[in-house]
Protein backbone atom coordinates (compact mmCIF):
# COMPACT_ATOMS: atom_id res chain seq x y z
CA MET A 1 23.18 -128.88 44.85
CA HIS A 2 20.09 -127.87 46.80
CA ASP A 3 19.98 -131.13 49.00
CA GLN A 4 23.60 -131.83 49.67
CA VAL A 5 25.89 -128.73 49.22
CA LYS A 6 26.47 -126.69 52.45
CA VAL A 7 28.16 -123.38 53.17
CA GLY A 8 31.87 -124.05 53.32
CA ASP A 9 31.86 -127.18 51.08
CA ARG A 10 34.65 -127.24 48.45
CA LEU A 11 33.68 -128.18 44.97
CA THR A 12 35.58 -129.32 41.95
CA ILE A 13 34.39 -127.55 38.72
CA SER A 14 35.58 -127.41 35.11
CA ALA A 15 36.53 -124.20 33.37
CA PRO A 16 33.64 -122.49 31.75
CA ARG A 17 32.81 -123.57 28.08
CA ASN A 18 32.15 -120.82 25.61
CA ARG A 19 29.69 -121.89 22.94
CA PHE A 20 29.48 -118.45 21.39
CA SER A 21 33.10 -117.39 20.92
CA LEU A 22 34.88 -114.94 18.69
CA SER A 23 36.80 -116.33 15.80
CA ALA A 24 40.56 -115.97 16.40
CA THR A 25 41.35 -115.89 12.65
CA ALA A 26 38.61 -113.46 11.54
CA SER A 27 39.95 -110.11 10.02
CA HIS A 28 36.71 -108.30 10.83
CA HIS A 29 33.67 -108.96 13.12
CA LEU A 30 30.22 -107.90 12.36
CA LEU A 31 28.09 -107.99 15.58
CA LEU A 32 24.31 -107.98 15.31
CA ALA A 33 22.12 -107.54 18.38
CA ALA A 34 18.42 -107.04 18.98
CA GLY A 35 16.87 -106.10 22.36
CA ILE A 36 18.43 -107.86 25.33
CA GLY A 37 20.41 -109.95 22.90
CA VAL A 38 23.05 -107.29 23.17
CA THR A 39 24.28 -108.78 26.44
CA PRO A 40 26.83 -111.31 25.00
CA ILE A 41 27.40 -109.06 22.01
CA LEU A 42 28.48 -106.25 24.24
CA SER A 43 31.00 -108.47 25.81
CA MET A 44 32.45 -109.27 22.51
CA ALA A 45 32.48 -105.56 21.46
CA ARG A 46 34.35 -104.58 24.68
CA HIS A 47 36.95 -107.46 24.13
CA LEU A 48 37.51 -106.45 20.50
CA ALA A 49 37.76 -102.76 21.36
CA VAL A 50 40.42 -103.40 23.91
CA GLY A 51 42.40 -105.63 21.48
CA GLY A 52 42.07 -102.95 18.70
CA ALA A 53 40.36 -105.38 16.50
CA SER A 54 38.31 -104.49 13.42
CA PHE A 55 34.59 -104.74 14.20
CA GLN A 56 31.15 -103.23 13.78
CA LEU A 57 28.18 -103.53 16.16
CA GLN A 58 24.70 -103.02 14.85
CA TYR A 59 22.13 -102.77 17.60
CA PHE A 60 18.35 -102.87 16.83
CA THR A 61 15.80 -101.73 19.51
CA ARG A 62 12.30 -100.27 19.66
CA SER A 63 13.58 -96.83 20.76
CA ALA A 64 16.32 -94.99 22.66
CA ASP A 65 14.37 -95.58 25.91
CA HIS A 66 14.47 -99.24 25.18
CA THR A 67 18.15 -99.44 24.32
CA SER A 68 20.15 -101.33 27.19
CA PHE A 69 23.73 -100.11 27.85
CA GLY A 70 23.15 -96.94 25.80
CA ALA A 71 25.56 -94.94 27.95
CA LEU A 72 28.23 -97.57 27.76
CA LEU A 73 27.90 -97.72 24.00
CA ALA A 74 28.48 -94.08 23.76
CA GLU A 75 32.03 -94.35 25.27
CA PRO A 76 34.89 -93.18 23.16
CA GLN A 77 36.19 -96.78 22.52
CA PHE A 78 33.01 -97.43 20.57
CA LYS A 79 33.15 -94.36 18.54
CA SER A 80 32.39 -95.03 14.96
CA LYS A 81 32.05 -98.81 15.72
CA VAL A 82 28.44 -98.76 16.89
CA SER A 83 25.22 -98.17 14.97
CA LEU A 84 21.95 -97.80 16.95
CA ASN A 85 18.87 -98.56 14.98
CA TYR A 86 15.52 -97.56 16.40
CA GLY A 87 11.93 -98.71 15.68
CA MET A 88 12.47 -100.39 12.29
CA GLY A 89 9.38 -102.17 11.03
CA PRO A 90 9.67 -105.68 9.40
CA GLU A 91 9.98 -104.37 5.86
CA GLU A 92 12.50 -101.68 6.84
CA LEU A 93 14.50 -104.09 8.82
CA THR A 94 14.65 -106.66 6.04
CA SER A 95 15.83 -104.09 3.49
CA TYR A 96 18.37 -102.90 5.80
CA LEU A 97 19.73 -106.27 6.54
CA GLN A 98 19.78 -107.35 2.94
CA ASP A 99 21.92 -104.24 2.15
CA LEU A 100 24.28 -104.95 5.20
CA LEU A 101 24.74 -108.63 4.48
CA ARG A 102 24.70 -108.56 0.71
CA VAL A 103 28.41 -109.08 0.59
CA ALA A 104 30.61 -111.09 2.99
CA PRO A 105 34.06 -109.31 3.17
CA GLY A 106 36.90 -111.65 2.93
CA GLY A 107 37.89 -113.02 6.35
CA ALA A 108 34.88 -111.55 8.15
CA HIS A 109 32.67 -113.41 10.60
CA LEU A 110 29.07 -112.55 11.71
CA TYR A 111 27.69 -112.91 15.20
CA MET A 112 23.97 -112.47 16.18
CA CYS A 113 21.82 -112.65 19.29
CA GLY A 114 18.29 -111.50 19.91
CA PRO A 115 14.62 -112.73 19.63
CA ARG A 116 14.00 -115.80 17.52
CA PRO A 117 12.26 -113.90 14.62
CA PHE A 118 15.28 -111.42 14.41
CA MET A 119 17.71 -114.43 14.41
CA ASP A 120 15.81 -116.29 11.79
CA LEU A 121 15.56 -113.19 9.54
CA VAL A 122 19.37 -112.43 9.88
CA GLY A 123 20.14 -116.16 9.24
CA SER A 124 18.05 -116.40 6.13
CA ILE A 125 19.46 -113.31 4.63
CA ALA A 126 22.98 -114.10 5.64
CA ALA A 127 22.81 -117.48 4.09
CA GLN A 128 22.80 -115.93 0.57
CA ALA A 129 26.36 -114.68 1.00
CA TRP A 130 27.95 -115.76 4.23
CA SER A 131 29.27 -119.42 4.57
CA SER A 132 27.84 -121.26 7.61
CA GLU A 133 31.39 -121.49 9.07
CA THR A 134 31.54 -117.73 9.30
CA VAL A 135 28.10 -117.21 11.15
CA HIS A 136 27.78 -117.63 14.83
CA HIS A 137 24.63 -117.29 17.05
CA GLU A 138 23.16 -117.83 20.40
CA TYR A 139 19.47 -118.52 20.98
CA PHE A 140 17.59 -117.73 24.21
CA SER A 141 15.42 -120.79 23.72
CA THR A 142 14.69 -123.45 21.10
CA GLY A 143 12.13 -122.63 18.28
CA PRO A 144 9.51 -124.79 16.76
CA ALA A 145 10.68 -128.25 15.83
CA THR A 146 11.95 -128.27 12.09
CA HIS A 147 12.54 -132.03 11.76
CA THR A 148 11.13 -134.07 8.98
CA GLY A 149 11.60 -137.60 10.25
CA PRO A 150 9.14 -139.62 12.23
CA ASP A 151 8.74 -139.78 15.90
CA SER A 152 8.66 -143.55 15.96
CA ALA A 153 11.02 -145.81 18.03
CA PHE A 154 14.57 -146.53 16.70
CA ARG A 155 17.59 -148.45 17.98
CA VAL A 156 20.85 -146.70 19.15
CA ARG A 157 24.05 -148.72 19.33
CA LEU A 158 26.98 -147.64 21.50
CA ALA A 159 30.07 -148.30 19.44
CA ARG A 160 32.53 -148.55 22.30
CA SER A 161 30.49 -151.27 24.25
CA GLY A 162 28.47 -152.72 21.41
CA VAL A 163 25.28 -152.28 23.58
CA THR A 164 22.08 -151.66 21.55
CA LEU A 165 19.06 -149.81 23.12
CA THR A 166 15.63 -148.94 21.81
CA VAL A 167 14.70 -145.26 22.06
CA PRO A 168 10.80 -145.41 22.18
CA GLU A 169 8.48 -142.69 20.97
CA GLY A 170 8.34 -139.66 23.34
CA ARG A 171 11.74 -140.52 24.96
CA SER A 172 15.10 -138.93 24.18
CA ILE A 173 18.39 -140.71 23.58
CA VAL A 174 19.78 -139.06 26.56
CA GLU A 175 16.96 -140.28 28.75
CA VAL A 176 17.29 -143.81 27.49
CA LEU A 177 20.99 -143.90 28.12
CA ALA A 178 20.60 -142.44 31.54
CA GLU A 179 18.22 -145.30 32.38
CA HIS A 180 21.07 -147.81 31.59
CA ASP A 181 23.74 -145.84 33.55
CA VAL A 182 25.29 -144.29 30.43
CA GLY A 183 25.71 -140.57 31.08
CA ILE A 184 26.06 -137.81 28.61
CA GLU A 185 26.89 -134.37 29.78
CA THR A 186 23.97 -132.06 29.19
CA SER A 187 23.08 -128.45 30.03
CA CYS A 188 20.07 -126.86 28.29
CA SER A 189 18.40 -130.14 27.13
CA GLN A 190 16.74 -128.05 24.27
CA GLY A 191 19.41 -128.50 21.50
CA ILE A 192 20.77 -125.01 21.95
CA CYS A 193 24.05 -125.17 23.84
CA GLY A 194 25.81 -128.03 22.18
CA THR A 195 27.11 -129.60 25.57
CA CYS A 196 25.82 -133.08 24.60
CA LEU A 197 27.33 -133.01 21.05
CA THR A 198 28.09 -136.64 20.24
CA GLY A 199 29.83 -138.29 17.22
CA VAL A 200 27.73 -140.40 14.78
CA LEU A 201 29.44 -143.44 13.03
CA GLU A 202 26.55 -144.95 11.25
CA GLY A 203 22.98 -143.93 10.37
CA VAL A 204 21.20 -140.65 9.66
CA PRO A 205 20.25 -138.42 12.48
CA ASP A 206 17.09 -136.52 12.53
CA HIS A 207 18.54 -133.14 13.65
CA ARG A 208 16.15 -131.18 15.85
CA ASP A 209 18.54 -128.75 17.37
CA ALA A 210 19.49 -125.04 16.88
CA PHE A 211 23.11 -125.55 17.47
CA LEU A 212 24.61 -127.18 14.37
CA SER A 213 24.70 -125.31 11.03
CA ALA A 214 22.93 -126.57 8.06
CA ASP A 215 26.18 -127.81 6.50
CA GLN A 216 27.05 -129.63 9.64
CA LYS A 217 23.71 -131.35 9.82
CA LEU A 218 24.22 -132.59 6.31
CA ARG A 219 27.46 -134.36 7.17
CA CYS A 220 25.57 -136.59 9.71
CA ASP A 221 28.73 -137.11 11.70
CA ARG A 222 27.52 -135.35 14.85
CA MET A 223 24.24 -134.83 16.64
CA LEU A 224 22.70 -133.58 19.85
CA PRO A 225 21.10 -136.47 21.55
CA CYS A 226 19.14 -134.45 24.08
CA VAL A 227 16.50 -133.55 21.25
CA SER A 228 17.54 -135.25 18.02
CA ARG A 229 16.29 -138.71 16.83
CA SER A 230 17.07 -140.93 13.96
CA LYS A 231 15.86 -141.29 10.37
CA SER A 232 17.34 -144.67 9.99
CA GLU A 233 16.24 -147.82 11.97
CA THR A 234 19.66 -147.96 13.87
CA LEU A 235 22.00 -145.14 14.91
CA VAL A 236 25.51 -145.86 15.84
CA ILE A 237 27.06 -143.13 18.15
CA ASP A 238 30.58 -142.75 19.44
CA ILE A 239 30.01 -143.74 22.96
């Protein structure tokens, strides 16, 4: 883009992909935001308000002065739909979320965005009552690696061509494939966005992403090759 595109050039692009979308089948939407994480959540709230959908927005900030879009959230369309929560300490926040997420109403979906500690706390509490299919999130960046497998080399076999390649320690599957002119579309390269999501036909992935849910990771039928590796000697992927 920097080296070749000039003013006046016409580019062909795809439609935007939404990796943090509202469920079309949910009967109620619970939106949780902390700090600047309200940015995507606010878009959801405005869409739901216009459509007359059932939703609640819980927004957690340090104080009223640190509350982004405070004036917008005070508009009539959000009356009784928005709760602003200021200056909660860790214990108070934990207790509040436990009460809020203790029961998952039938047909409800949960959406969250904010700093990693907030997201981790919401996720751990919600896991007690909410199924993974009803919980949606968007991270700003990847957190500490949570993998349990080794960083040693392994083989990856491309099912459609039969080609087998070795992924050495310190190199990603995406990098090795690129070296052999096999391209996988990527975006964040941190295991957050899901752009490179690839089917797994054989083997056990060592999931190191923040995109797939715990249940999805247990199925071992998909992985994000930008960051994830393999627990088995050979991994067969749907490429």
